[in-house]
Amino acid sequence: MHDKYMLAALAQSTKALPECLPNPPVGCVIVHSGKIVAVGYTRSPGKHHAEADALTQIQGQNLHFLQMYVTLEPCSFKGRTPSCALAIAPQPEAS
């Protein structure tokens, strides 16, 4: 089952080339109840990474119980774009 979604994420990653260079070509698939509900790939430098690209397609929806398949681990730092790790799993605000 997971193979199918990873293959779909790999297919998305091929769409990133050559636009994403010099960044790596990354693909992302978001699944809910066995159905692909969003896809994404890394855009040109300074634009959305694969995860953010896919997350924009499901903005405003309940993000609980979704599975995300990504061909490279999400970035955890803020550079030209915000942290993908924080976009996927936001941290509670400090009081």
PDB file of N, CA and C in Angstrom:
ATOM      1  N   MET A   1       0.825  -1.193   0.000  1.00  0.00           N
ATOM      2  CA  MET A   1       0.000   0.000   0.000  1.00  0.00           C
ATOM      3  C   MET A   1       0.871   1.259   0.000  1.00  0.00           C
ATOM      4  N   HIS A   2       1.858   1.322   0.893  1.00  0.00           N
ATOM      5  CA  HIS A   2       2.704   2.513   0.957  1.00  0.00           C
ATOM      6  C   HIS A   2       3.521   2.686  -0.322  1.00  0.00           C
ATOM      7  N   ASP A   3       3.876   1.570  -0.960  1.00  0.00           N
ATOM      8  CA  ASP A   3       4.652   1.641  -2.199  1.00  0.00           C
ATOM      9  C   ASP A   3       3.946   2.489  -3.241  1.00  0.00           C
ATOM     10  N   LYS A   4       2.643   2.317  -3.345  1.00  0.00           N
ATOM     11  CA  LYS A   4       1.848   3.048  -4.337  1.00  0.00           C
ATOM     12  C   LYS A   4       1.977   4.557  -4.136  1.00  0.00           C
ATOM     13  N   TYR A   5       1.931   4.990  -2.885  1.00  0.00           N
ATOM     14  CA  TYR A   5       1.998   6.424  -2.591  1.00  0.00           C
ATOM     15  C   TYR A   5       3.413   6.968  -2.747  1.00  0.00           C
ATOM     16  N   MET A   6       4.415   6.161  -2.389  1.00  0.00           N
ATOM     17  CA  MET A   6       5.794   6.613  -2.598  1.00  0.00           C
ATOM     18  C   MET A   6       6.104   6.724  -4.085  1.00  0.00           C
ATOM     19  N   LEU A   7       5.579   5.800  -4.881  1.00  0.00           N
ATOM     20  CA  LEU A   7       5.764   5.899  -6.333  1.00  0.00           C
ATOM     21  C   LEU A   7       5.085   7.145  -6.887  1.00  0.00           C
ATOM     22  N   ALA A   8       3.933   7.491  -6.342  1.00  0.00           N
ATOM     23  CA  ALA A   8       3.242   8.715  -6.768  1.00  0.00           C
ATOM     24  C   ALA A   8       4.064   9.942  -6.375  1.00  0.00           C
ATOM     25  N   ALA A   9       4.688   9.922  -5.199  1.00  0.00           N
ATOM     26  CA  ALA A   9       5.544  11.032  -4.773  1.00  0.00           C
ATOM     27  C   ALA A   9       6.774  11.132  -5.673  1.00  0.00           C
ATOM     28  N   LEU A  10       7.339   9.988  -6.032  1.00  0.00           N
ATOM     29  CA  LEU A  10       8.480   9.989  -6.960  1.00  0.00           C
ATOM     30  C   LEU A  10       8.084  10.566  -8.314  1.00  0.00           C
ATOM     31  N   ALA A  11       6.891  10.233  -8.780  1.00  0.00           N
ATOM     32  CA  ALA A  11       6.404  10.784 -10.057  1.00  0.00           C
ATOM     33  C   ALA A  11       6.288  12.303  -9.964  1.00  0.00           C
ATOM     34  N   GLN A  12       5.837  12.796  -8.812  1.00  0.00           N
ATOM     35  CA  GLN A  12       5.756  14.249  -8.631  1.00  0.00           C
ATOM     36  C   GLN A  12       7.143  14.877  -8.676  1.00  0.00           C
ATOM     37  N   SER A  13       8.126  14.195  -8.086  1.00  0.00           N
ATOM     38  CA  SER A  13       9.481  14.758  -8.036  1.00  0.00           C
ATOM     39  C   SER A  13      10.058  14.971  -9.431  1.00  0.00           C
ATOM     40  N   THR A  14       9.673  14.154 -10.389  1.00  0.00           N
ATOM     41  CA  THR A  14      10.195  14.324 -11.747  1.00  0.00           C
ATOM     42  C   THR A  14       9.677  15.609 -12.384  1.00  0.00           C
ATOM     43  N   LYS A  15       8.536  16.098 -11.915  1.00  0.00           N
ATOM     44  CA  LYS A  15       7.975  17.347 -12.438  1.00  0.00           C
ATOM     45  C   LYS A  15       8.779  18.557 -11.995  1.00  0.00           C
ATOM     46  N   ALA A  16       9.583  18.380 -10.931  1.00  0.00           N
ATOM     47  CA  ALA A  16      10.357  19.490 -10.376  1.00  0.00           C
ATOM     48  C   ALA A  16      11.522  19.900 -11.277  1.00  0.00           C
ATOM     49  N   LEU A  17      11.988  18.978 -12.096  1.00  0.00           N
ATOM     50  CA  LEU A  17      13.155  19.255 -12.933  1.00  0.00           C
ATOM     51  C   LEU A  17      12.783  19.954 -14.227  1.00  0.00           C
ATOM     52  N   PRO A  18      13.537  20.912 -14.678  1.00  0.00           N
ATOM     53  CA  PRO A  18      14.735  21.507 -14.095  1.00  0.00           C
ATOM     54  C   PRO A  18      14.433  22.716 -13.204  1.00  0.00           C
ATOM     55  N   GLU A  19      13.146  23.017 -13.012  1.00  0.00           N
ATOM     56  CA  GLU A  19      12.733  24.234 -12.295  1.00  0.00           C
ATOM     57  C   GLU A  19      13.363  24.353 -10.909  1.00  0.00           C
ATOM     58  N   CYS A  20      13.489  23.255 -10.190  1.00  0.00           N
ATOM     59  CA  CYS A  20      13.928  23.300  -8.794  1.00  0.00           C
ATOM     60  C   CYS A  20      15.421  23.537  -8.619  1.00  0.00           C
ATOM     61  N   LEU A  21      16.201  23.289  -9.645  1.00  0.00           N
ATOM     62  CA  LEU A  21      17.665  23.355  -9.519  1.00  0.00           C
ATOM     63  C   LEU A  21      18.131  24.729  -9.050  1.00  0.00           C
ATOM     64  N   PRO A  22      19.096  24.806  -8.158  1.00  0.00           N
ATOM     65  CA  PRO A  22      20.011  23.777  -7.692  1.00  0.00           C
ATOM     66  C   PRO A  22      19.468  22.953  -6.515  1.00  0.00           C
ATOM     67  N   ASN A  23      18.237  23.188  -6.086  1.00  0.00           N
ATOM     68  CA  ASN A  23      17.634  22.375  -5.022  1.00  0.00           C
ATOM     69  C   ASN A  23      17.325  20.981  -5.562  1.00  0.00           C
ATOM     70  N   PRO A  24      17.197  19.994  -4.677  1.00  0.00           N
ATOM     71  CA  PRO A  24      16.884  18.640  -5.147  1.00  0.00           C
ATOM     72  C   PRO A  24      15.427  18.535  -5.604  1.00  0.00           C
ATOM     73  N   PRO A  25      15.169  17.661  -6.565  1.00  0.00           N
ATOM     74  CA  PRO A  25      13.789  17.434  -6.993  1.00  0.00           C
ATOM     75  C   PRO A  25      13.055  16.585  -5.953  1.00  0.00           C
ATOM     76  N   VAL A  26      12.031  17.147  -5.348  1.00  0.00           N
ATOM     77  CA  VAL A  26      11.295  16.457  -4.289  1.00  0.00           C
ATOM     78  C   VAL A  26       9.822  16.413  -4.657  1.00  0.00           C
ATOM     79  N   GLY A  27       9.196  15.285  -4.367  1.00  0.00           N
ATOM     80  CA  GLY A  27       7.768  15.127  -4.595  1.00  0.00           C
ATOM     81  C   GLY A  27       7.057  14.812  -3.301  1.00  0.00           C
ATOM     82  N   CYS A  28       5.769  15.138  -3.253  1.00  0.00           N
ATOM     83  CA  CYS A  28       4.968  14.927  -2.053  1.00  0.00           C
ATOM     84  C   CYS A  28       3.555  14.516  -2.457  1.00  0.00           C
ATOM     85  N   VAL A  29       3.003  13.577  -1.689  1.00  0.00           N
ATOM     86  CA  VAL A  29       1.625  13.129  -1.873  1.00  0.00           C
ATOM     87  C   VAL A  29       0.975  13.108  -0.499  1.00  0.00           C
ATOM     88  N   ILE A  30      -0.218  13.669  -0.388  1.00  0.00           N
ATOM     89  CA  ILE A  30      -0.985  13.636   0.862  1.00  0.00           C
ATOM     90  C   ILE A  30      -2.188  12.730   0.649  1.00  0.00           C
ATOM     91  N   VAL A  31      -2.381  11.812   1.601  1.00  0.00           N
ATOM     92  CA  VAL A  31      -3.404  10.766   1.478  1.00  0.00           C
ATOM     93  C   VAL A  31      -4.367  10.841   2.654  1.00  0.00           C
ATOM     94  N   HIS A  32      -5.652  10.658   2.364  1.00  0.00           N
ATOM     95  CA  HIS A  32      -6.676  10.565   3.405  1.00  0.00           C
ATOM     96  C   HIS A  32      -7.593   9.405   3.061  1.00  0.00           C
ATOM     97  N   SER A  33      -7.740   8.489   3.987  1.00  0.00           N
ATOM     98  CA  SER A  33      -8.616   7.315   3.801  1.00  0.00           C
ATOM     99  C   SER A  33      -8.311   6.568   2.510  1.00  0.00           C
ATOM    100  N   GLY A  34      -7.027   6.412   2.207  1.00  0.00           N
ATOM    101  CA  GLY A  34      -6.624   5.653   1.031  1.00  0.00           C
ATOM    102  C   GLY A  34      -6.746   6.380  -0.290  1.00  0.00           C
ATOM    103  N   LYS A  35      -7.058   7.669  -0.257  1.00  0.00           N
ATOM    104  CA  LYS A  35      -7.225   8.459  -1.481  1.00  0.00           C
ATOM    105  C   LYS A  35      -6.231   9.618  -1.482  1.00  0.00           C
ATOM    106  N   ILE A  36      -5.571   9.842  -2.604  1.00  0.00           N
ATOM    107  CA  ILE A  36      -4.664  10.982  -2.728  1.00  0.00           C
ATOM    108  C   ILE A  36      -5.498  12.252  -2.800  1.00  0.00           C
ATOM    109  N   VAL A  37      -5.272  13.164  -1.849  1.00  0.00           N
ATOM    110  CA  VAL A  37      -6.059  14.400  -1.793  1.00  0.00           C
ATOM    111  C   VAL A  37      -5.249  15.629  -2.196  1.00  0.00           C
ATOM    112  N   ALA A  38      -3.913  15.504  -2.276  1.00  0.00           N
ATOM    113  CA  ALA A  38      -3.081  16.631  -2.699  1.00  0.00           C
ATOM    114  C   ALA A  38      -1.723  16.105  -3.148  1.00  0.00           C
ATOM    115  N   VAL A  39      -1.137  16.798  -4.105  1.00  0.00           N
ATOM    116  CA  VAL A  39       0.200  16.451  -4.601  1.00  0.00           C
ATOM    117  C   VAL A  39       1.008  17.730  -4.726  1.00  0.00           C
ATOM    118  N   GLY A  40       2.327  17.581  -4.705  1.00  0.00           N
ATOM    119  CA  GLY A  40       3.175  18.755  -4.870  1.00  0.00           C
ATOM    120  C   GLY A  40       4.587  18.369  -5.234  1.00  0.00           C
ATOM    121  N   TYR A  41       5.320  19.354  -5.709  1.00  0.00           N
ATOM    122  CA  TYR A  41       6.738  19.156  -6.004  1.00  0.00           C
ATOM    123  C   TYR A  41       7.466  20.476  -5.773  1.00  0.00           C
ATOM    124  N   THR A  42       8.772  20.385  -5.607  1.00  0.00           N
ATOM    125  CA  THR A  42       9.592  21.555  -5.316  1.00  0.00           C
ATOM    126  C   THR A  42       9.623  22.484  -6.516  1.00  0.00           C
ATOM    127  N   ARG A  43       9.330  23.735  -6.241  1.00  0.00           N
ATOM    128  CA  ARG A  43       9.332  24.765  -7.294  1.00  0.00           C
ATOM    129  C   ARG A  43      10.702  25.433  -7.351  1.00  0.00           C
ATOM    130  N   SER A  44      10.817  26.500  -8.094  1.00  0.00           N
ATOM    131  CA  SER A  44      12.100  27.182  -8.244  1.00  0.00           C
ATOM    132  C   SER A  44      12.592  27.728  -6.903  1.00  0.00           C
ATOM    133  N   PRO A  45      13.912  27.936  -6.759  1.00  0.00           N
ATOM    134  CA  PRO A  45      14.468  28.418  -5.492  1.00  0.00           C
ATOM    135  C   PRO A  45      13.727  29.650  -4.981  1.00  0.00           C
ATOM    136  N   GLY A  46      13.382  29.604  -3.681  1.00  0.00           N
ATOM    137  CA  GLY A  46      12.644  30.691  -3.059  1.00  0.00           C
ATOM    138  C   GLY A  46      11.138  30.520  -3.113  1.00  0.00           C
ATOM    139  N   LYS A  47      10.679  29.541  -3.866  1.00  0.00           N
ATOM    140  CA  LYS A  47       9.239  29.246  -3.961  1.00  0.00           C
ATOM    141  C   LYS A  47       8.932  28.004  -3.135  1.00  0.00           C
ATOM    142  N   HIS A  48       7.695  27.530  -3.172  1.00  0.00           N
ATOM    143  CA  HIS A  48       7.265  26.397  -2.363  1.00  0.00           C
ATOM    144  C   HIS A  48       8.118  25.145  -2.557  1.00  0.00           C
ATOM    145  N   HIS A  49       8.392  24.488  -1.434  1.00  0.00           N
ATOM    146  CA  HIS A  49       8.932  23.131  -1.479  1.00  0.00           C
ATOM    147  C   HIS A  49       7.755  22.188  -1.715  1.00  0.00           C
ATOM    148  N   ALA A  50       8.042  20.924  -1.954  1.00  0.00           N
ATOM    149  CA  ALA A  50       7.001  19.946  -2.296  1.00  0.00           C
ATOM    150  C   ALA A  50       5.898  19.876  -1.245  1.00  0.00           C
ATOM    151  N   GLU A  51       6.295  19.855   0.036  1.00  0.00           N
ATOM    152  CA  GLU A  51       5.312  19.735   1.110  1.00  0.00           C
ATOM    153  C   GLU A  51       4.390  20.951   1.153  1.00  0.00           C
ATOM    154  N   ALA A  52       4.969  22.134   1.071  1.00  0.00           N
ATOM    155  CA  ALA A  52       4.176  23.367   1.090  1.00  0.00           C
ATOM    156  C   ALA A  52       3.289  23.449  -0.142  1.00  0.00           C
ATOM    157  N   ASP A  53       3.802  22.993  -1.281  1.00  0.00           N
ATOM    158  CA  ASP A  53       3.019  22.987  -2.517  1.00  0.00           C
ATOM    159  C   ASP A  53       1.767  22.128  -2.338  1.00  0.00           C
ATOM    160  N   ALA A  54       1.928  20.951  -1.746  1.00  0.00           N
ATOM    161  CA  ALA A  54       0.784  20.062  -1.517  1.00  0.00           C
ATOM    162  C   ALA A  54      -0.145  20.615  -0.441  1.00  0.00           C
ATOM    163  N   LEU A  55       0.427  21.151   0.630  1.00  0.00           N
ATOM    164  CA  LEU A  55      -0.401  21.670   1.727  1.00  0.00           C
ATOM    165  C   LEU A  55      -1.294  22.827   1.280  1.00  0.00           C
ATOM    166  N   THR A  56      -0.865  23.629   0.307  1.00  0.00           N
ATOM    167  CA  THR A  56      -1.699  24.739  -0.162  1.00  0.00           C
ATOM    168  C   THR A  56      -2.999  24.230  -0.786  1.00  0.00           C
ATOM    169  N   GLN A  57      -2.982  23.007  -1.294  1.00  0.00           N
ATOM    170  CA  GLN A  57      -4.172  22.437  -1.940  1.00  0.00           C
ATOM    171  C   GLN A  57      -5.233  21.992  -0.941  1.00  0.00           C
ATOM    172  N   ILE A  58      -4.850  21.844   0.320  1.00  0.00           N
ATOM    173  CA  ILE A  58      -5.812  21.401   1.329  1.00  0.00           C
ATOM    174  C   ILE A  58      -5.942  22.422   2.456  1.00  0.00           C
ATOM    175  N   GLN A  59      -5.584  23.649   2.162  1.00  0.00           N
ATOM    176  CA  GLN A  59      -5.680  24.727   3.153  1.00  0.00           C
ATOM    177  C   GLN A  59      -7.093  24.834   3.698  1.00  0.00           C
ATOM    178  N   GLY A  60      -7.203  25.025   5.010  1.00  0.00           N
ATOM    179  CA  GLY A  60      -8.497  25.207   5.630  1.00  0.00           C
ATOM    180  C   GLY A  60      -9.217  23.910   5.952  1.00  0.00           C
ATOM    181  N   GLN A  61      -8.681  22.793   5.497  1.00  0.00           N
ATOM    182  CA  GLN A  61      -9.300  21.498   5.789  1.00  0.00           C
ATOM    183  C   GLN A  61      -8.703  20.920   7.062  1.00  0.00           C
ATOM    184  N   ASN A  62      -9.407  20.007   7.663  1.00  0.00           N
ATOM    185  CA  ASN A  62      -8.916  19.322   8.853  1.00  0.00           C
ATOM    186  C   ASN A  62      -7.698  18.485   8.469  1.00  0.00           C
ATOM    187  N   LEU A  63      -6.556  18.771   9.060  1.00  0.00           N
ATOM    188  CA  LEU A  63      -5.319  18.091   8.697  1.00  0.00           C
ATOM    189  C   LEU A  63      -5.037  16.858   9.559  1.00  0.00           C
ATOM    190  N   HIS A  64      -5.975  16.489  10.406  1.00  0.00           N
ATOM    191  CA  HIS A  64      -5.792  15.310  11.240  1.00  0.00           C
ATOM    192  C   HIS A  64      -6.022  14.046  10.410  1.00  0.00           C
ATOM    193  N   PHE A  65      -5.308  13.021  10.737  1.00  0.00           N
ATOM    194  CA  PHE A  65      -5.463  11.700  10.132  1.00  0.00           C
ATOM    195  C   PHE A  65      -5.086  11.663   8.652  1.00  0.00           C
ATOM    196  N   LEU A  66      -4.205  12.556   8.245  1.00  0.00           N
ATOM    197  CA  LEU A  66      -3.676  12.514   6.884  1.00  0.00           C
ATOM    198  C   LEU A  66      -2.310  11.855   6.919  1.00  0.00           C
ATOM    199  N   GLN A  67      -1.933  11.259   5.821  1.00  0.00           N
ATOM    200  CA  GLN A  67      -0.591  10.708   5.679  1.00  0.00           C
ATOM    201  C   GLN A  67       0.113  11.483   4.585  1.00  0.00           C
ATOM    202  N   MET A  68       1.382  11.787   4.833  1.00  0.00           N
ATOM    203  CA  MET A  68       2.178  12.512   3.852  1.00  0.00           C
ATOM    204  C   MET A  68       3.350  11.633   3.436  1.00  0.00           C
ATOM    205  N   TYR A  69       3.523  11.493   2.147  1.00  0.00           N
ATOM    206  CA  TYR A  69       4.636  10.735   1.581  1.00  0.00           C
ATOM    207  C   TYR A  69       5.520  11.740   0.841  1.00  0.00           C
ATOM    208  N   VAL A  70       6.790  11.813   1.250  1.00  0.00           N
ATOM    209  CA  VAL A  70       7.729  12.788   0.693  1.00  0.00           C
ATOM    210  C   VAL A  70       9.017  12.054   0.331  1.00  0.00           C
ATOM    211  N   THR A  71       9.623  12.442  -0.779  1.00  0.00           N
ATOM    212  CA  THR A  71      10.821  11.745  -1.255  1.00  0.00           C
ATOM    213  C   THR A  71      12.109  12.218  -0.588  1.00  0.00           C
ATOM    214  N   LEU A  72      12.045  13.223   0.258  1.00  0.00           N
ATOM    215  CA  LEU A  72      13.206  13.700   1.012  1.00  0.00           C
ATOM    216  C   LEU A  72      12.684  14.285   2.310  1.00  0.00           C
ATOM    217  N   GLU A  73      13.443  14.144   3.389  1.00  0.00           N
ATOM    218  CA  GLU A  73      12.941  14.640   4.673  1.00  0.00           C
ATOM    219  C   GLU A  73      12.657  16.141   4.588  1.00  0.00           C
ATOM    220  N   PRO A  74      11.610  16.600   5.253  1.00  0.00           N
ATOM    221  CA  PRO A  74      11.259  18.021   5.243  1.00  0.00           C
ATOM    222  C   PRO A  74      12.349  18.864   5.895  1.00  0.00           C
ATOM    223  N   CYS A  75      12.574  20.045   5.338  1.00  0.00           N
ATOM    224  CA  CYS A  75      13.566  20.950   5.927  1.00  0.00           C
ATOM    225  C   CYS A  75      13.043  21.448   7.271  1.00  0.00           C
ATOM    226  N   SER A  76      13.970  21.703   8.174  1.00  0.00           N
ATOM    227  CA  SER A  76      13.570  22.135   9.518  1.00  0.00           C
ATOM    228  C   SER A  76      14.107  23.527   9.849  1.00  0.00           C
ATOM    229  N   PHE A  77      14.512  24.254   8.852  1.00  0.00           N
ATOM    230  CA  PHE A  77      15.056  25.589   9.088  1.00  0.00           C
ATOM    231  C   PHE A  77      14.361  26.588   8.179  1.00  0.00           C
ATOM    232  N   LYS A  78      14.469  27.848   8.544  1.00  0.00           N
ATOM    233  CA  LYS A  78      13.913  28.912   7.712  1.00  0.00           C
ATOM    234  C   LYS A  78      15.040  29.510   6.895  1.00  0.00           C
ATOM    235  N   GLY A  79      14.910  29.433   5.604  1.00  0.00           N
ATOM    236  CA  GLY A  79      15.865  30.025   4.684  1.00  0.00           C
ATOM    237  C   GLY A  79      15.099  30.996   3.805  1.00  0.00           C
ATOM    238  N   ARG A  80      15.146  30.753   2.492  1.00  0.00           N
ATOM    239  CA  ARG A  80      14.341  31.570   1.579  1.00  0.00           C
ATOM    240  C   ARG A  80      12.863  31.256   1.719  1.00  0.00           C
ATOM    241  N   THR A  81      12.569  30.076   2.271  1.00  0.00           N
ATOM    242  CA  THR A  81      11.178  29.665   2.516  1.00  0.00           C
ATOM    243  C   THR A  81      11.053  29.241   3.981  1.00  0.00           C
ATOM    244  N   PRO A  82       9.836  29.243   4.513  1.00  0.00           N
ATOM    245  CA  PRO A  82       9.643  28.792   5.896  1.00  0.00           C
ATOM    246  C   PRO A  82       9.949  27.301   6.047  1.00  0.00           C
ATOM    247  N   SER A  83      10.103  26.865   7.269  1.00  0.00           N
ATOM    248  CA  SER A  83      10.370  25.471   7.592  1.00  0.00           C
ATOM    249  C   SER A  83       9.201  24.584   7.167  1.00  0.00           C
ATOM    250  N   CYS A  84       9.487  23.555   6.379  1.00  0.00           N
ATOM    251  CA  CYS A  84       8.444  22.604   5.993  1.00  0.00           C
ATOM    252  C   CYS A  84       8.016  21.763   7.184  1.00  0.00           C
ATOM    253  N   ALA A  85       8.973  21.425   8.049  1.00  0.00           N
ATOM    254  CA  ALA A  85       8.646  20.622   9.232  1.00  0.00           C
ATOM    255  C   ALA A  85       7.608  21.345  10.092  1.00  0.00           C
ATOM    256  N   LEU A  86       7.763  22.655  10.264  1.00  0.00           N
ATOM    257  CA  LEU A  86       6.787  23.418  11.058  1.00  0.00           C
ATOM    258  C   LEU A  86       5.463  23.578  10.322  1.00  0.00           C
ATOM    259  N   ALA A  87       5.484  23.600   9.018  1.00  0.00           N
ATOM    260  CA  ALA A  87       4.232  23.675   8.255  1.00  0.00           C
ATOM    261  C   ALA A  87       3.435  22.374   8.407  1.00  0.00           C
ATOM    262  N   ILE A  88       4.157  21.260   8.496  1.00  0.00           N
ATOM    263  CA  ILE A  88       3.511  19.957   8.630  1.00  0.00           C
ATOM    264  C   ILE A  88       3.008  19.741  10.053  1.00  0.00           C
ATOM    265  N   ALA A  89       3.833  20.061  11.020  1.00  0.00           N
ATOM    266  CA  ALA A  89       3.495  19.842  12.433  1.00  0.00           C
ATOM    267  C   ALA A  89       3.819  21.099  13.227  1.00  0.00           C
ATOM    268  N   PRO A  90       2.930  22.107  13.163  1.00  0.00           N
ATOM    269  CA  PRO A  90       3.203  23.365  13.860  1.00  0.00           C
ATOM    270  C   PRO A  90       3.383  23.146  15.352  1.00  0.00           C
ATOM    271  N   GLN A  91       4.280  23.904  15.935  1.00  0.00           N
ATOM    272  CA  GLN A  91       4.524  23.842  17.370  1.00  0.00           C
ATOM    273  C   GLN A  91       3.569  24.779  18.078  1.00  0.00           C
ATOM    274  N   PRO A  92       3.111  24.408  19.277  1.00  0.00           N
ATOM    275  CA  PRO A  92       2.228  25.308  20.033  1.00  0.00           C
ATOM    276  C   PRO A  92       2.994  26.580  20.384  1.00  0.00           C
ATOM    277  N   GLU A  93       2.273  27.667  20.384  1.00  0.00           N
ATOM    278  CA  GLU A  93       2.911  28.946  20.699  1.00  0.00           C
ATOM    279  C   GLU A  93       3.256  28.998  22.186  1.00  0.00           C
ATOM    280  N   ALA A  94       4.428  29.560  22.466  1.00  0.00           N
ATOM    281  CA  ALA A  94       4.866  29.702  23.852  1.00  0.00           C
ATOM    282  C   ALA A  94       4.025  30.752  24.548  1.00  0.00           C
ATOM    283  N   SER A  95       3.741  30.521  25.832  1.00  0.00           N
ATOM    284  CA  SER A  95       2.930  31.501  26.562  1.00  0.00           C
ATOM    285  C   SER A  95       3.794  32.426  27.357  1.00  0.00           C
TER     286      SER A  95
END
